[in-house]
Protein backbone atom coordinates (compact mmCIF):
# COMPACT_ATOMS: atom_id res chain seq x y z
CA UNK A 1 15.72 1.98 8.61
CA UNK A 2 15.29 2.30 4.84
CA UNK A 3 12.88 5.22 4.85
CA UNK A 4 14.08 8.34 6.64
CA UNK A 5 11.64 11.03 5.42
CA UNK A 6 7.95 10.22 5.12
CA UNK A 7 5.37 12.63 3.69
CA UNK A 8 1.61 12.30 4.10
CA UNK A 9 -0.68 14.24 1.75
CA UNK A 10 -3.88 15.08 3.60
CA UNK A 11 -4.72 15.49 7.27
CA UNK A 12 -7.94 13.50 7.53
CA UNK A 13 -8.65 10.71 9.99
CA UNK A 14 -6.25 8.20 8.47
CA UNK A 15 -3.73 10.71 7.14
CA UNK A 16 -3.19 12.01 10.66
CA UNK A 17 -2.93 8.51 12.13
CA UNK A 18 -0.46 7.35 9.47
CA UNK A 19 1.68 10.42 10.13
CA UNK A 20 1.71 9.88 13.88
CA UNK A 21 2.50 6.18 13.50
CA UNK A 22 5.35 7.05 11.17
CA UNK A 23 6.80 9.53 13.67
CA UNK A 24 6.24 7.10 16.56
CA UNK A 25 8.46 4.55 14.82
CA UNK A 26 11.27 7.06 14.37
CA UNK A 27 10.67 8.46 10.88
CA UNK A 28 10.94 12.17 10.15
CA UNK A 29 7.36 12.80 9.08
CA UNK A 30 5.70 15.74 7.34
CA UNK A 31 1.93 16.07 7.02
CA UNK A 32 1.08 18.37 4.10
CA UNK A 33 -2.11 20.39 4.41
CA UNK A 34 -3.87 22.53 1.82
CA UNK A 35 -4.57 25.68 3.86
CA UNK A 36 -4.51 27.36 7.25
CA UNK A 37 -8.09 26.19 7.67
CA UNK A 38 -6.90 22.63 7.19
CA UNK A 39 -4.36 23.17 9.97
CA UNK A 40 -7.17 24.26 12.26
CA UNK A 41 -9.12 21.11 11.46
CA UNK A 42 -6.14 18.77 11.66
CA UNK A 43 -4.46 19.98 14.86
CA UNK A 44 -7.27 18.69 17.10
CA UNK A 45 -6.97 15.28 15.38
CA UNK A 46 -3.23 15.26 16.03
CA UNK A 47 -3.84 15.96 19.71
CA UNK A 48 -6.69 13.44 19.92
CA UNK A 49 -4.86 10.54 18.28
CA UNK A 50 -1.47 11.12 19.91
CA UNK A 51 -3.20 11.25 23.31
CA UNK A 52 -5.10 8.05 22.47
CA UNK A 53 -1.87 6.28 21.56
CA UNK A 54 -0.22 7.33 24.83
CA UNK A 55 -3.34 6.32 26.78
CA UNK A 56 -3.34 2.87 25.17
CA UNK A 57 0.30 2.41 26.14
CA UNK A 58 -0.53 3.42 29.71
CA UNK A 59 -3.40 0.93 29.75
CA UNK A 60 -1.09 -1.77 28.38
CA UNK A 61 0.97 -1.58 31.58
CA UNK A 62 -2.04 -2.97 33.45
CA UNK A 63 -2.01 -6.01 31.13
CA UNK A 64 1.53 -7.08 32.02
CA UNK A 65 1.25 -10.49 33.71
CA UNK A 66 -2.37 -10.90 32.57
CA UNK A 67 -2.93 -13.91 30.26
CA UNK A 68 -5.29 -11.75 28.18
CA UNK A 69 -2.53 -9.21 27.61
CA UNK A 70 -1.29 -11.03 24.52
CA UNK A 71 -4.69 -10.47 22.90
CA UNK A 72 -5.49 -6.96 24.14
CA UNK A 73 -2.24 -5.00 23.85
CA UNK A 74 -1.97 -2.28 21.13
CA UNK A 75 -0.24 -4.28 18.43
CA UNK A 76 1.04 -1.31 16.44
CA UNK A 77 2.63 0.36 19.44
CA UNK A 78 4.33 -2.72 20.92
CA UNK A 79 6.01 -4.92 18.31
CA UNK A 80 6.04 -7.99 20.54
CA UNK A 81 4.21 -8.71 23.78
CA UNK A 82 6.54 -11.54 24.72
CA UNK A 83 8.80 -10.37 27.53
CA UNK A 84 7.09 -6.97 27.71
CA UNK A 85 7.52 -5.16 31.03
CA UNK A 86 6.09 -2.05 32.66
CA UNK A 87 9.53 -0.45 32.43
CA UNK A 88 9.72 -1.27 28.73
CA UNK A 89 6.33 0.34 28.10
CA UNK A 90 7.42 3.44 30.06
CA UNK A 91 10.37 3.71 27.68
CA UNK A 92 8.01 3.49 24.71
CA UNK A 93 5.84 6.26 26.19
CA UNK A 94 8.86 8.52 26.67
CA UNK A 95 10.04 7.84 23.11
CA UNK A 96 6.54 8.46 21.73
CA UNK A 97 6.27 11.87 23.38
CA UNK A 98 9.75 12.80 22.15
CA UNK A 99 9.08 11.63 18.58
CA UNK A 100 5.69 13.32 18.34
CA UNK A 101 7.34 16.58 19.34
CA UNK A 102 10.51 16.32 17.25
CA UNK A 103 9.64 14.19 14.21
CA UNK A 104 6.06 15.18 13.34
CA UNK A 105 5.59 18.37 11.29
CA UNK A 106 2.69 20.19 9.59
CA UNK A 107 3.53 21.96 6.32
CA UNK A 108 1.56 24.12 3.85
CA UNK A 109 4.32 24.53 1.24
CA UNK A 110 4.03 21.50 -1.05
CA UNK A 111 7.51 21.82 -2.55
CA UNK A 112 9.07 22.10 0.90
CA UNK A 113 7.06 19.14 2.18
CA UNK A 114 8.15 16.87 -0.69
CA UNK A 115 11.81 17.82 -0.63
CA UNK A 116 14.05 14.75 -0.18
CA UNK A 117 11.05 12.47 0.57
CA UNK A 118 11.73 8.74 0.56
CA UNK A 119 8.05 7.80 0.44
CA UNK A 120 4.87 9.86 -0.06
CA UNK A 121 1.47 8.57 0.98
CA UNK A 122 -1.55 10.29 -0.56
CA UNK A 123 -4.40 10.08 1.97
CA UNK A 124 -7.03 12.34 0.43
CA UNK A 125 -10.79 11.81 0.22
CA UNK A 126 -12.23 9.23 -2.18
CA UNK A 127 -12.59 11.75 -5.01
CA UNK A 128 -10.88 10.74 -8.27
CA UNK A 129 -10.74 14.27 -9.70
CA UNK A 130 -9.11 15.67 -6.58
CA UNK A 131 -6.55 12.87 -6.52
CA UNK A 132 -5.65 13.41 -10.20
CA UNK A 133 -5.31 17.15 -9.59
CA UNK A 134 -3.02 16.49 -6.61
CA UNK A 135 -0.81 14.08 -8.55
CA UNK A 136 -0.46 16.71 -11.27
CA UNK A 137 0.81 19.23 -8.72
CA UNK A 138 3.22 16.76 -7.15
CA UNK A 139 4.78 14.98 -10.09
CA UNK A 140 7.39 17.64 -10.92
CA UNK A 141 8.20 18.24 -7.24
CA UNK A 142 8.81 14.68 -6.06
CA UNK A 143 12.47 13.55 -6.11
CA UNK A 144 13.39 10.77 -8.56
CA UNK A 145 14.04 8.30 -5.70
CA UNK A 146 10.63 8.75 -4.08
CA UNK A 147 8.01 6.01 -3.88
CA UNK A 148 4.41 7.23 -4.13
CA UNK A 149 1.51 5.37 -2.48
CA UNK A 150 -2.20 5.94 -2.26
CA UNK A 151 -4.26 5.09 0.82
CA UNK A 152 -7.46 5.05 -1.24
CA UNK A 153 -10.08 2.80 0.35
CA UNK A 154 -11.85 1.62 -2.81
CA UNK A 155 -10.14 3.07 -5.92
CA UNK A 156 -7.56 1.14 -7.93
CA UNK A 157 -4.00 2.45 -8.38
CA UNK A 158 -4.23 1.72 -12.13
CA UNK A 159 -6.85 4.50 -12.32
CA UNK A 160 -4.20 7.05 -11.39
CA UNK A 161 -0.82 5.58 -12.36
CA UNK A 162 -0.50 7.56 -15.61
CA UNK A 163 -1.10 10.85 -13.78
CA UNK A 164 1.67 10.35 -11.21
CA UNK A 165 4.66 10.73 -13.50
CA UNK A 166 6.16 7.59 -11.88
CA UNK A 167 3.79 4.66 -12.52
CA UNK A 168 6.51 2.09 -11.83
CA UNK A 169 7.05 3.63 -8.36
CA UNK A 170 3.36 3.87 -7.52
CA UNK A 171 1.10 1.45 -5.64
CA UNK A 172 -1.51 1.33 -2.89
CA UNK A 173 -0.85 1.03 0.83
CA UNK A 174 -4.08 0.89 2.77
CA UNK A 175 -4.58 1.10 6.54
CA UNK A 176 -7.47 0.31 8.87
CA UNK A 177 -8.73 2.94 11.29
CA UNK A 178 -7.00 3.21 14.71
CA UNK A 179 -3.89 1.86 13.03
CA UNK A 180 -1.89 1.75 16.26
CA UNK A 181 -4.19 -1.08 17.38
CA UNK A 182 -5.58 -2.49 14.11
CA UNK A 183 -2.18 -2.56 12.44
CA UNK A 184 -3.00 -3.77 8.94
CA UNK A 185 -1.02 -2.58 5.93
CA UNK A 186 -2.62 -3.83 2.70
CA UNK A 187 -0.15 -3.53 -0.18
CA UNK A 188 -1.61 -3.57 -3.71
CA UNK A 189 0.27 -2.84 -6.88
CA UNK A 190 -1.02 -2.21 -10.40
CA UNK A 191 0.28 -4.01 -13.53
CA UNK A 192 3.02 -1.39 -14.00
CA UNK A 193 4.34 -1.39 -10.43
CA UNK A 194 8.01 -2.39 -10.25
CA UNK A 195 8.18 -5.60 -8.13
CA UNK A 196 11.18 -4.18 -6.27
CA UNK A 197 9.17 -1.07 -5.37
CA UNK A 198 6.31 -3.29 -4.18
CA UNK A 199 8.75 -5.14 -1.90
CA UNK A 200 10.06 -1.82 -0.56
CA UNK A 201 6.52 -0.75 0.35
CA UNK A 202 6.05 -4.06 2.16
CA UNK A 203 9.24 -3.31 4.08
CA UNK A 204 8.03 0.22 4.90
CA UNK A 205 4.74 -1.14 6.27
CA UNK A 206 6.76 -3.37 8.57
CA UNK A 207 8.99 -0.42 9.59
CA UNK A 208 5.96 1.45 10.94
CA UNK A 209 4.77 -1.63 12.87
CA UNK A 210 2.04 -2.68 10.45
CA UNK A 211 1.49 -6.29 9.42
CA UNK A 212 2.02 -6.20 5.62
CA UNK A 213 -0.89 -7.90 3.85
CA UNK A 214 0.14 -8.58 0.26
CA UNK A 215 -2.44 -8.64 -2.54
CA UNK A 216 -1.51 -10.51 -5.71
CA UNK A 217 -3.77 -8.48 -8.01
CA UNK A 218 -5.84 -5.31 -8.02
CA UNK A 219 -9.12 -5.55 -6.15
CA UNK A 220 -11.51 -2.65 -5.52
CA UNK A 221 -11.67 -2.37 -1.74
CA UNK A 222 -8.60 -4.54 -1.18
CA UNK A 223 -9.26 -7.43 1.22
CA UNK A 224 -10.73 -5.51 4.17
CA UNK A 225 -13.12 -3.17 2.39
CA UNK A 226 -14.23 -5.88 -0.03
CA UNK A 227 -15.87 -7.34 3.07
CA UNK A 228 -16.58 -4.17 5.07
CA UNK A 229 -18.16 -1.88 2.43
CA UNK A 230 -20.98 -4.31 1.47
CA UNK A 231 -21.72 -4.75 5.17
CA UNK A 232 -21.95 -0.98 5.75
CA UNK A 233 -23.94 -0.52 2.53
CA UNK A 234 -26.47 -3.12 3.65
CA UNK A 235 -26.95 -1.26 6.93
CA UNK A 236 -27.41 2.09 5.14
CA UNK A 237 -29.94 0.48 2.78
CA UNK A 238 -32.01 -0.71 5.74
CA UNK A 239 -31.96 2.85 7.11
CA UNK A 240 -32.75 4.53 3.79
CA UNK A 241 -35.54 2.05 3.10
CA UNK A 242 -37.03 2.93 6.52
CA UNK A 243 -36.84 -0.66 7.74
CA UNK A 244 -35.27 0.40 11.05
CA UNK A 245 -33.38 3.32 12.58
CA UNK A 246 -29.55 3.29 12.91
CA UNK A 247 -29.63 2.60 16.65
CA UNK A 248 -31.84 -0.49 16.21
CA UNK A 249 -29.74 -1.77 13.30
CA UNK A 250 -26.59 -1.38 15.40
CA UNK A 251 -28.21 -3.05 18.41
CA UNK A 252 -29.29 -5.98 16.25
CA UNK A 253 -25.75 -6.52 14.97
CA UNK A 254 -24.16 -6.23 18.41
CA UNK A 255 -26.63 -8.58 20.08
CA UNK A 256 -26.53 -11.21 17.34
CA UNK A 257 -22.76 -11.30 16.80
CA UNK A 258 -21.27 -10.05 20.10
CA UNK A 259 -19.44 -7.43 18.01
CA UNK A 260 -18.32 -4.37 19.99
CA UNK A 261 -19.76 -1.92 17.44
CA UNK A 262 -22.57 -1.82 14.91
CA UNK A 263 -22.33 -0.58 11.31
CA UNK A 264 -23.40 3.00 12.05
CA UNK A 265 -20.90 3.25 14.89
CA UNK A 266 -18.28 2.07 12.40
CA UNK A 267 -19.50 4.66 9.88
CA UNK A 268 -19.00 7.37 12.50
CA UNK A 269 -15.40 6.23 12.92
CA UNK A 270 -14.77 5.99 9.18
CA UNK A 271 -16.41 9.39 8.61
CA UNK A 272 -19.64 10.13 6.78
CA UNK A 273 -17.85 12.12 4.06
CA UNK A 274 -15.90 9.03 3.04
CA UNK A 275 -19.09 6.94 3.11
CA UNK A 276 -20.85 9.55 0.96
CA UNK A 277 -18.02 9.70 -1.60
CA UNK A 278 -18.01 5.91 -1.93
CA UNK A 279 -21.79 5.87 -2.35
CA UNK A 280 -21.76 8.60 -5.01
CA UNK A 281 -19.34 6.68 -7.22
CA UNK A 282 -22.12 4.17 -7.96
CA UNK A 283 -24.04 5.06 -11.18
CA UNK A 284 -27.42 4.48 -9.50
CA UNK A 285 -26.58 7.20 -6.96
CA UNK A 286 -27.28 9.72 -9.73
CA UNK A 287 -30.71 8.28 -10.56
CA UNK A 288 -33.33 10.08 -8.50
CA UNK A 289 -35.61 7.78 -6.56
CA UNK A 290 -33.28 4.78 -6.31
CA UNK A 291 -32.32 3.44 -2.91
CA UNK A 292 -28.67 4.34 -3.53
CA UNK A 293 -29.69 7.90 -4.42
CA UNK A 294 -31.72 8.12 -1.19
CA UNK A 295 -28.76 6.84 0.82
CA UNK A 296 -26.64 9.65 -0.65
CA UNK A 297 -29.29 12.25 0.16
CA UNK A 298 -29.55 11.12 3.77
CA UNK A 299 -25.75 11.14 4.23
CA UNK A 300 -25.54 14.57 2.59
CA UNK A 301 -28.12 15.97 5.01
CA UNK A 302 -25.98 14.93 7.95
CA UNK A 303 -22.77 16.19 6.35
CA UNK A 304 -24.36 19.58 5.62
CA UNK A 305 -25.23 19.85 9.32
CA UNK A 306 -21.61 19.13 10.24
CA UNK A 307 -22.48 15.68 11.58
CA UNK A 308 -19.61 13.88 9.89
CA UNK A 309 -18.64 11.41 12.61
CA UNK A 310 -16.52 10.96 15.71
CA UNK A 311 -13.95 13.63 14.83
CA UNK A 312 -16.73 16.22 14.42
CA UNK A 313 -18.27 15.28 17.77
CA UNK A 314 -21.46 14.03 16.14
CA UNK A 315 -22.47 11.64 13.39
CA UNK A 316 -25.17 9.04 13.88
CA UNK A 317 -24.31 9.38 17.58
CA UNK A 318 -23.47 12.36 19.78
CA UNK A 319 -19.90 12.22 21.15
CA UNK A 320 -19.99 15.57 22.95
CA UNK A 321 -21.81 14.26 26.02
């Protein structure tokens, strides 16, 4: 194992999942949070996602001997399905519980969190100013050896490289939601990223059971979100333009494509705050009366009511029932 200490900056949906996946695979993992209030918001996510990972391992035992098992098993939790046994999965469950307890830590002291880190993954909201401010706080605290990554969904690492204090050791490592099942690790450097550092990040993605997906150049949205964001934007435009309600739009997509979830169900998983931040980065979002502006207003209304998605219990759908 090349990376012994892993630090995640931010306890949102993906930050929490990345941290748990890192601990699951045997890495000493620290999740840095801004305040006691952040701890209160993050702890339920830790419990939710760690329980979901254990539950998916339990369910995987039922797939042993089933020809569909090779397609349905949680790919991030079980490195290979070939030869997998119930006893082997029980061992993984026992190790997961032990690692979650012993290797996963929450920390409010930034200097303490970053001490002796091998790799730091910034997993904050899609807000350029907040990211730049965070890099400014970190750059004199991060050890010389440390690699710094961003999990930004749409922003380019070249936008922030100069603020990190280590542009040659900085790149993007992006994950899909429910990373223990959808185990993608998109690796994207910027022109100043050291090729050796890039290769080390690829190796780290593999260490935490992701499939490293290597990009050869910078691309806003990487591979996944270059396809996903326009799809979600199109759905929001239909809603904002009063063509149809979210439930009907989702139903249309599910019926026509046999997809398990529609765009607004996906938005609930992603989180409406992230969707709002992405929307507001478009210049037309600031021009009153445009469709993009209206989309932002509608998302903001839901956010202000606390309806930010699955983790809040309500978004476009109610998850408290």
